[in-house]
Amino acid sequence: MNIVLSPDNPPSLFGVYSDPLRDARRHTASIVYVVDVPLDVAPKAGDDATDVVLIALHDIDHRTFFVDHKTMLRDYRAAVTKGE
């Protein structure tokens, strides 16, 4: 995302997604990290994305995502809204 993270705000491992059926092209694995990005920082897309878009967690189900990325986001949403 082309941003510099503060040592006080390191990424934390959220999950590993490696279902062989997740991507029809080949067996791949995604390692998912969570990090708080300050609102005044503008992340930029890297080599595997065309853009970076800020969306609300409640909008996940109304969007289209690559292969199982919606599953990853739904899992994150469930984790952060647990107990609300």
PDB file of N, CA and C in Angstrom:
ATOM      1  N   MET A   1       0.815  -1.203   0.000  1.00  0.00           N
ATOM      2  CA  MET A   1       0.000   0.000   0.000  1.00  0.00           C
ATOM      3  C   MET A   1       0.852   1.256   0.000  1.00  0.00           C
ATOM      4  N   ASN A   2       2.142   1.072  -0.048  1.00  0.00           N
ATOM      5  CA  ASN A   2       3.045   2.214  -0.153  1.00  0.00           C
ATOM      6  C   ASN A   2       2.902   3.203   0.997  1.00  0.00           C
ATOM      7  N   ILE A   3       2.733   2.694   2.214  1.00  0.00           N
ATOM      8  CA  ILE A   3       2.680   3.565   3.382  1.00  0.00           C
ATOM      9  C   ILE A   3       3.732   3.105   4.377  1.00  0.00           C
ATOM     10  N   VAL A   4       4.173   4.020   5.197  1.00  0.00           N
ATOM     11  CA  VAL A   4       5.135   3.701   6.242  1.00  0.00           C
ATOM     12  C   VAL A   4       4.367   3.576   7.544  1.00  0.00           C
ATOM     13  N   LEU A   5       4.527   2.435   8.208  1.00  0.00           N
ATOM     14  CA  LEU A   5       3.824   2.191   9.459  1.00  0.00           C
ATOM     15  C   LEU A   5       4.706   2.560  10.634  1.00  0.00           C
ATOM     16  N   SER A   6       4.092   3.100  11.653  1.00  0.00           N
ATOM     17  CA  SER A   6       4.801   3.423  12.879  1.00  0.00           C
ATOM     18  C   SER A   6       5.116   2.138  13.636  1.00  0.00           C
ATOM     19  N   PRO A   7       6.267   2.057  14.289  1.00  0.00           N
ATOM     20  CA  PRO A   7       6.562   0.872  15.103  1.00  0.00           C
ATOM     21  C   PRO A   7       5.559   0.694  16.241  1.00  0.00           C
ATOM     22  N   ASP A   8       4.865   1.771  16.594  1.00  0.00           N
ATOM     23  CA  ASP A   8       3.839   1.705  17.638  1.00  0.00           C
ATOM     24  C   ASP A   8       2.524   1.135  17.115  1.00  0.00           C
ATOM     25  N   ASN A   9       2.432   0.927  15.813  1.00  0.00           N
ATOM     26  CA  ASN A   9       1.197   0.471  15.179  1.00  0.00           C
ATOM     27  C   ASN A   9       1.507  -0.658  14.189  1.00  0.00           C
ATOM     28  N   PRO A  10       2.045  -1.789  14.697  1.00  0.00           N
ATOM     29  CA  PRO A  10       2.421  -2.862  13.772  1.00  0.00           C
ATOM     30  C   PRO A  10       1.206  -3.627  13.258  1.00  0.00           C
ATOM     31  N   PRO A  11       1.311  -4.236  12.092  1.00  0.00           N
ATOM     32  CA  PRO A  11       0.227  -5.085  11.594  1.00  0.00           C
ATOM     33  C   PRO A  11       0.076  -6.316  12.493  1.00  0.00           C
ATOM     34  N   SER A  12      -1.146  -6.826  12.589  1.00  0.00           N
ATOM     35  CA  SER A  12      -1.365  -8.064  13.339  1.00  0.00           C
ATOM     36  C   SER A  12      -1.969  -9.102  12.402  1.00  0.00           C
ATOM     37  N   LEU A  13      -1.510 -10.328  12.545  1.00  0.00           N
ATOM     38  CA  LEU A  13      -2.000 -11.409  11.706  1.00  0.00           C
ATOM     39  C   LEU A  13      -3.468 -11.657  12.005  1.00  0.00           C
ATOM     40  N   PHE A  14      -4.288 -11.661  10.965  1.00  0.00           N
ATOM     41  CA  PHE A  14      -5.713 -11.947  11.121  1.00  0.00           C
ATOM     42  C   PHE A  14      -6.052 -13.373  10.710  1.00  0.00           C
ATOM     43  N   GLY A  15      -5.501 -13.844   9.600  1.00  0.00           N
ATOM     44  CA  GLY A  15      -5.833 -15.186   9.159  1.00  0.00           C
ATOM     45  C   GLY A  15      -5.060 -15.617   7.937  1.00  0.00           C
ATOM     46  N   VAL A  16      -5.155 -16.912   7.668  1.00  0.00           N
ATOM     47  CA  VAL A  16      -4.538 -17.507   6.485  1.00  0.00           C
ATOM     48  C   VAL A  16      -5.648 -18.208   5.717  1.00  0.00           C
ATOM     49  N   TYR A  17      -5.791 -17.870   4.453  1.00  0.00           N
ATOM     50  CA  TYR A  17      -6.834 -18.436   3.605  1.00  0.00           C
ATOM     51  C   TYR A  17      -6.158 -19.230   2.503  1.00  0.00           C
ATOM     52  N   SER A  18      -6.387 -20.542   2.485  1.00  0.00           N
ATOM     53  CA  SER A  18      -5.658 -21.378   1.527  1.00  0.00           C
ATOM     54  C   SER A  18      -6.496 -22.520   0.961  1.00  0.00           C
ATOM     55  N   ASP A  19      -7.792 -22.351   0.904  1.00  0.00           N
ATOM     56  CA  ASP A  19      -8.656 -23.371   0.308  1.00  0.00           C
ATOM     57  C   ASP A  19      -8.229 -23.579  -1.150  1.00  0.00           C
ATOM     58  N   PRO A  20      -7.919 -24.820  -1.549  1.00  0.00           N
ATOM     59  CA  PRO A  20      -7.472 -25.060  -2.928  1.00  0.00           C
ATOM     60  C   PRO A  20      -8.495 -24.647  -3.986  1.00  0.00           C
ATOM     61  N   LEU A  21      -9.741 -24.507  -3.616  1.00  0.00           N
ATOM     62  CA  LEU A  21     -10.785 -24.144  -4.579  1.00  0.00           C
ATOM     63  C   LEU A  21     -11.064 -22.637  -4.607  1.00  0.00           C
ATOM     64  N   ARG A  22     -10.338 -21.858  -3.833  1.00  0.00           N
ATOM     65  CA  ARG A  22     -10.627 -20.426  -3.717  1.00  0.00           C
ATOM     66  C   ARG A  22     -10.342 -19.651  -4.996  1.00  0.00           C
ATOM     67  N   ASP A  23      -9.424 -20.129  -5.806  1.00  0.00           N
ATOM     68  CA  ASP A  23      -9.074 -19.440  -7.047  1.00  0.00           C
ATOM     69  C   ASP A  23      -8.956 -20.484  -8.149  1.00  0.00           C
ATOM     70  N   ALA A  24      -9.789 -20.375  -9.164  1.00  0.00           N
ATOM     71  CA  ALA A  24      -9.832 -21.372 -10.233  1.00  0.00           C
ATOM     72  C   ALA A  24      -8.541 -21.419 -11.058  1.00  0.00           C
ATOM     73  N   ARG A  25      -7.733 -20.377 -10.990  1.00  0.00           N
ATOM     74  CA  ARG A  25      -6.510 -20.332 -11.799  1.00  0.00           C
ATOM     75  C   ARG A  25      -5.421 -21.251 -11.256  1.00  0.00           C
ATOM     76  N   ARG A  26      -5.311 -21.317  -9.924  1.00  0.00           N
ATOM     77  CA  ARG A  26      -4.272 -22.132  -9.290  1.00  0.00           C
ATOM     78  C   ARG A  26      -4.484 -22.105  -7.774  1.00  0.00           C
ATOM     79  N   HIS A  27      -3.790 -22.989  -7.082  1.00  0.00           N
ATOM     80  CA  HIS A  27      -3.865 -22.996  -5.619  1.00  0.00           C
ATOM     81  C   HIS A  27      -3.011 -21.858  -5.078  1.00  0.00           C
ATOM     82  N   THR A  28      -3.642 -20.951  -4.381  1.00  0.00           N
ATOM     83  CA  THR A  28      -2.933 -19.823  -3.789  1.00  0.00           C
ATOM     84  C   THR A  28      -3.312 -19.705  -2.327  1.00  0.00           C
ATOM     85  N   ALA A  29      -2.515 -18.988  -1.595  1.00  0.00           N
ATOM     86  CA  ALA A  29      -2.810 -18.707  -0.194  1.00  0.00           C
ATOM     87  C   ALA A  29      -2.710 -17.201   0.026  1.00  0.00           C
ATOM     88  N   SER A  30      -3.575 -16.684   0.886  1.00  0.00           N
ATOM     89  CA  SER A  30      -3.508 -15.278   1.264  1.00  0.00           C
ATOM     90  C   SER A  30      -3.258 -15.203   2.753  1.00  0.00           C
ATOM     91  N   ILE A  31      -2.294 -14.386   3.133  1.00  0.00           N
ATOM     92  CA  ILE A  31      -2.005 -14.125   4.529  1.00  0.00           C
ATOM     93  C   ILE A  31      -2.580 -12.732   4.802  1.00  0.00           C
ATOM     94  N   VAL A  32      -3.527 -12.649   5.728  1.00  0.00           N
ATOM     95  CA  VAL A  32      -4.264 -11.407   5.957  1.00  0.00           C
ATOM     96  C   VAL A  32      -3.809 -10.763   7.268  1.00  0.00           C
ATOM     97  N   TYR A  33      -3.408  -9.505   7.155  1.00  0.00           N
ATOM     98  CA  TYR A  33      -3.005  -8.715   8.314  1.00  0.00           C
ATOM     99  C   TYR A  33      -3.977  -7.557   8.487  1.00  0.00           C
ATOM    100  N   VAL A  34      -4.074  -7.066   9.711  1.00  0.00           N
ATOM    101  CA  VAL A  34      -4.895  -5.901  10.014  1.00  0.00           C
ATOM    102  C   VAL A  34      -3.968  -4.824  10.566  1.00  0.00           C
ATOM    103  N   VAL A  35      -4.176  -3.609  10.099  1.00  0.00           N
ATOM    104  CA  VAL A  35      -3.407  -2.477  10.606  1.00  0.00           C
ATOM    105  C   VAL A  35      -4.310  -1.244  10.573  1.00  0.00           C
ATOM    106  N   ASP A  36      -4.169  -0.404  11.572  1.00  0.00           N
ATOM    107  CA  ASP A  36      -4.901   0.862  11.579  1.00  0.00           C
ATOM    108  C   ASP A  36      -4.130   1.868  10.734  1.00  0.00           C
ATOM    109  N   VAL A  37      -4.787   2.395   9.719  1.00  0.00           N
ATOM    110  CA  VAL A  37      -4.178   3.396   8.850  1.00  0.00           C
ATOM    111  C   VAL A  37      -4.823   4.738   9.196  1.00  0.00           C
ATOM    112  N   PRO A  38      -4.014   5.722   9.601  1.00  0.00           N
ATOM    113  CA  PRO A  38      -4.577   7.035   9.935  1.00  0.00           C
ATOM    114  C   PRO A  38      -5.366   7.609   8.759  1.00  0.00           C
ATOM    115  N   LEU A  39      -6.416   8.346   9.054  1.00  0.00           N
ATOM    116  CA  LEU A  39      -7.276   8.906   8.012  1.00  0.00           C
ATOM    117  C   LEU A  39      -6.548   9.898   7.110  1.00  0.00           C
ATOM    118  N   ASP A  40      -5.458  10.487   7.604  1.00  0.00           N
ATOM    119  CA  ASP A  40      -4.739  11.452   6.773  1.00  0.00           C
ATOM    120  C   ASP A  40      -3.706  10.791   5.857  1.00  0.00           C
ATOM    121  N   VAL A  41      -3.644   9.469   5.871  1.00  0.00           N
ATOM    122  CA  VAL A  41      -2.735   8.723   4.996  1.00  0.00           C
ATOM    123  C   VAL A  41      -3.536   8.165   3.826  1.00  0.00           C
ATOM    124  N   ALA A  42      -3.017   8.341   2.627  1.00  0.00           N
ATOM    125  CA  ALA A  42      -3.711   7.859   1.432  1.00  0.00           C
ATOM    126  C   ALA A  42      -2.966   6.659   0.862  1.00  0.00           C
ATOM    127  N   PRO A  43      -3.429   5.432   1.163  1.00  0.00           N
ATOM    128  CA  PRO A  43      -2.774   4.252   0.601  1.00  0.00           C
ATOM    129  C   PRO A  43      -2.890   4.245  -0.918  1.00  0.00           C
ATOM    130  N   LYS A  44      -1.889   3.652  -1.571  1.00  0.00           N
ATOM    131  CA  LYS A  44      -1.888   3.536  -3.026  1.00  0.00           C
ATOM    132  C   LYS A  44      -1.852   2.063  -3.401  1.00  0.00           C
ATOM    133  N   ALA A  45      -2.497   1.718  -4.488  1.00  0.00           N
ATOM    134  CA  ALA A  45      -2.511   0.333  -4.960  1.00  0.00           C
ATOM    135  C   ALA A  45      -1.104  -0.103  -5.334  1.00  0.00           C
ATOM    136  N   GLY A  46      -0.832  -1.383  -5.096  1.00  0.00           N
ATOM    137  CA  GLY A  46       0.466  -1.948  -5.456  1.00  0.00           C
ATOM    138  C   GLY A  46       0.373  -2.707  -6.758  1.00  0.00           C
ATOM    139  N   ASP A  47       1.204  -3.729  -6.899  1.00  0.00           N
ATOM    140  CA  ASP A  47       1.269  -4.468  -8.155  1.00  0.00           C
ATOM    141  C   ASP A  47       0.120  -5.443  -8.358  1.00  0.00           C
ATOM    142  N   ASP A  48      -0.644  -5.712  -7.312  1.00  0.00           N
ATOM    143  CA  ASP A  48      -1.726  -6.693  -7.443  1.00  0.00           C
ATOM    144  C   ASP A  48      -3.117  -6.076  -7.299  1.00  0.00           C
ATOM    145  N   ALA A  49      -3.208  -4.767  -7.342  1.00  0.00           N
ATOM    146  CA  ALA A  49      -4.501  -4.090  -7.209  1.00  0.00           C
ATOM    147  C   ALA A  49      -4.515  -2.864  -8.113  1.00  0.00           C
ATOM    148  N   THR A  50      -5.706  -2.521  -8.587  1.00  0.00           N
ATOM    149  CA  THR A  50      -5.804  -1.337  -9.438  1.00  0.00           C
ATOM    150  C   THR A  50      -6.058  -0.074  -8.630  1.00  0.00           C
ATOM    151  N   ASP A  51      -6.708  -0.230  -7.466  1.00  0.00           N
ATOM    152  CA  ASP A  51      -6.948   0.928  -6.617  1.00  0.00           C
ATOM    153  C   ASP A  51      -7.236   0.485  -5.188  1.00  0.00           C
ATOM    154  N   VAL A  52      -7.271   1.457  -4.295  1.00  0.00           N
ATOM    155  CA  VAL A  52      -7.603   1.237  -2.889  1.00  0.00           C
ATOM    156  C   VAL A  52      -8.847   2.050  -2.599  1.00  0.00           C
ATOM    157  N   VAL A  53      -9.859   1.401  -2.031  1.00  0.00           N
ATOM    158  CA  VAL A  53     -11.130   2.063  -1.763  1.00  0.00           C
ATOM    159  C   VAL A  53     -11.505   1.848  -0.305  1.00  0.00           C
ATOM    160  N   LEU A  54     -11.876   2.912   0.374  1.00  0.00           N
ATOM    161  CA  LEU A  54     -12.361   2.827   1.746  1.00  0.00           C
ATOM    162  C   LEU A  54     -13.862   2.545   1.701  1.00  0.00           C
ATOM    163  N   ILE A  55     -14.269   1.432   2.311  1.00  0.00           N
ATOM    164  CA  ILE A  55     -15.693   1.107   2.365  1.00  0.00           C
ATOM    165  C   ILE A  55     -16.081   0.804   3.806  1.00  0.00           C
ATOM    166  N   ALA A  56     -17.328   1.019   4.103  1.00  0.00           N
ATOM    167  CA  ALA A  56     -17.856   0.699   5.433  1.00  0.00           C
ATOM    168  C   ALA A  56     -18.085  -0.807   5.540  1.00  0.00           C
ATOM    169  N   LEU A  57     -17.915  -1.349   6.729  1.00  0.00           N
ATOM    170  CA  LEU A  57     -18.102  -2.790   6.921  1.00  0.00           C
ATOM    171  C   LEU A  57     -19.502  -3.241   6.531  1.00  0.00           C
ATOM    172  N   HIS A  58     -20.499  -2.384   6.740  1.00  0.00           N
ATOM    173  CA  HIS A  58     -21.867  -2.796   6.396  1.00  0.00           C
ATOM    174  C   HIS A  58     -22.116  -2.800   4.879  1.00  0.00           C
ATOM    175  N   ASP A  59     -21.161  -2.290   4.097  1.00  0.00           N
ATOM    176  CA  ASP A  59     -21.306  -2.292   2.637  1.00  0.00           C
ATOM    177  C   ASP A  59     -20.669  -3.502   1.957  1.00  0.00           C
ATOM    178  N   ILE A  60     -20.003  -4.350   2.723  1.00  0.00           N
ATOM    179  CA  ILE A  60     -19.290  -5.501   2.147  1.00  0.00           C
ATOM    180  C   ILE A  60     -20.208  -6.364   1.292  1.00  0.00           C
ATOM    181  N   ASP A  61     -21.392  -6.662   1.789  1.00  0.00           N
ATOM    182  CA  ASP A  61     -22.291  -7.584   1.084  1.00  0.00           C
ATOM    183  C   ASP A  61     -22.847  -7.008  -0.214  1.00  0.00           C
ATOM    184  N   HIS A  62     -22.718  -5.702  -0.410  1.00  0.00           N
ATOM    185  CA  HIS A  62     -23.268  -5.061  -1.608  1.00  0.00           C
ATOM    186  C   HIS A  62     -22.204  -4.809  -2.672  1.00  0.00           C
ATOM    187  N   ARG A  63     -21.010  -5.333  -2.460  1.00  0.00           N
ATOM    188  CA  ARG A  63     -19.897  -5.113  -3.378  1.00  0.00           C
ATOM    189  C   ARG A  63     -19.415  -6.434  -3.970  1.00  0.00           C
ATOM    190  N   THR A  64     -18.700  -6.337  -5.071  1.00  0.00           N
ATOM    191  CA  THR A  64     -18.094  -7.499  -5.704  1.00  0.00           C
ATOM    192  C   THR A  64     -16.601  -7.471  -5.406  1.00  0.00           C
ATOM    193  N   PHE A  65     -16.062  -8.632  -5.058  1.00  0.00           N
ATOM    194  CA  PHE A  65     -14.647  -8.746  -4.733  1.00  0.00           C
ATOM    195  C   PHE A  65     -14.026  -9.913  -5.488  1.00  0.00           C
ATOM    196  N   PHE A  66     -12.724  -9.895  -5.591  1.00  0.00           N
ATOM    197  CA  PHE A  66     -11.970 -10.966  -6.237  1.00  0.00           C
ATOM    198  C   PHE A  66     -12.043 -12.237  -5.390  1.00  0.00           C
ATOM    199  N   VAL A  67     -12.198 -13.357  -6.029  1.00  0.00           N
ATOM    200  CA  VAL A  67     -12.322 -14.704  -5.442  1.00  0.00           C
ATOM    201  C   VAL A  67     -12.932 -14.670  -4.044  1.00  0.00           C
ATOM    202  N   ASP A  68     -12.171 -14.988  -3.000  1.00  0.00           N
ATOM    203  CA  ASP A  68     -12.762 -15.091  -1.660  1.00  0.00           C
ATOM    204  C   ASP A  68     -12.484 -13.880  -0.769  1.00  0.00           C
ATOM    205  N   HIS A  69     -12.170 -12.751  -1.347  1.00  0.00           N
ATOM    206  CA  HIS A  69     -11.882 -11.572  -0.533  1.00  0.00           C
ATOM    207  C   HIS A  69     -13.107 -11.119   0.262  1.00  0.00           C
ATOM    208  N   LYS A  70     -14.298 -11.366  -0.266  1.00  0.00           N
ATOM    209  CA  LYS A  70     -15.503 -11.033   0.501  1.00  0.00           C
ATOM    210  C   LYS A  70     -15.567 -11.895   1.767  1.00  0.00           C
ATOM    211  N   THR A  71     -15.160 -13.147   1.671  1.00  0.00           N
ATOM    212  CA  THR A  71     -15.119 -14.026   2.844  1.00  0.00           C
ATOM    213  C   THR A  71     -14.169 -13.463   3.891  1.00  0.00           C
ATOM    214  N   MET A  72     -13.006 -13.014   3.456  1.00  0.00           N
ATOM    215  CA  MET A  72     -12.031 -12.433   4.384  1.00  0.00           C
ATOM    216  C   MET A  72     -12.620 -11.215   5.097  1.00  0.00           C
ATOM    217  N   LEU A  73     -13.269 -10.353   4.324  1.00  0.00           N
ATOM    218  CA  LEU A  73     -13.855  -9.148   4.908  1.00  0.00           C
ATOM    219  C   LEU A  73     -15.024  -9.479   5.828  1.00  0.00           C
ATOM    220  N   ARG A  74     -15.833 -10.455   5.457  1.00  0.00           N
ATOM    221  CA  ARG A  74     -16.923 -10.880   6.340  1.00  0.00           C
ATOM    222  C   ARG A  74     -16.376 -11.463   7.641  1.00  0.00           C
ATOM    223  N   ASP A  75     -15.314 -12.244   7.554  1.00  0.00           N
ATOM    224  CA  ASP A  75     -14.691 -12.789   8.760  1.00  0.00           C
ATOM    225  C   ASP A  75     -14.167 -11.674   9.649  1.00  0.00           C
ATOM    226  N   TYR A  76     -13.539 -10.669   9.041  1.00  0.00           N
ATOM    227  CA  TYR A  76     -13.049  -9.522   9.815  1.00  0.00           C
ATOM    228  C   TYR A  76     -14.212  -8.784  10.468  1.00  0.00           C
ATOM    229  N   ARG A  77     -15.255  -8.541   9.701  1.00  0.00           N
ATOM    230  CA  ARG A  77     -16.431  -7.852  10.248  1.00  0.00           C
ATOM    231  C   ARG A  77     -17.000  -8.615  11.437  1.00  0.00           C
ATOM    232  N   ALA A  78     -17.106  -9.933  11.307  1.00  0.00           N
ATOM    233  CA  ALA A  78     -17.625 -10.758  12.406  1.00  0.00           C
ATOM    234  C   ALA A  78     -16.730 -10.657  13.633  1.00  0.00           C
ATOM    235  N   ALA A  79     -15.434 -10.620  13.415  1.00  0.00           N
ATOM    236  CA  ALA A  79     -14.490 -10.541  14.543  1.00  0.00           C
ATOM    237  C   ALA A  79     -14.581  -9.201  15.282  1.00  0.00           C
ATOM    238  N   VAL A  80     -14.721  -8.118  14.536  1.00  0.00           N
ATOM    239  CA  VAL A  80     -14.737  -6.796  15.196  1.00  0.00           C
ATOM    240  C   VAL A  80     -16.107  -6.416  15.717  1.00  0.00           C
ATOM    241  N   THR A  81     -17.156  -7.059  15.234  1.00  0.00           N
ATOM    242  CA  THR A  81     -18.493  -6.708  15.727  1.00  0.00           C
ATOM    243  C   THR A  81     -19.018  -7.725  16.743  1.00  0.00           C
ATOM    244  N   LYS A  82     -18.216  -8.714  17.068  1.00  0.00           N
ATOM    245  CA  LYS A  82     -18.623  -9.726  18.047  1.00  0.00           C
ATOM    246  C   LYS A  82     -18.950  -9.032  19.371  1.00  0.00           C
ATOM    247  N   GLY A  83     -20.113  -9.320  19.892  1.00  0.00           N
ATOM    248  CA  GLY A  83     -20.512  -8.751  21.181  1.00  0.00           C
ATOM    249  C   GLY A  83     -21.199  -7.411  21.104  1.00  0.00           C
ATOM    250  N   GLU A  84     -21.380  -6.877  19.906  1.00  0.00           N
ATOM    251  CA  GLU A  84     -22.068  -5.574  19.804  1.00  0.00           C
ATOM    252  C   GLU A  84     -23.562  -5.757  19.933  1.00  0.00           C
TER     253      GLU A  84
END
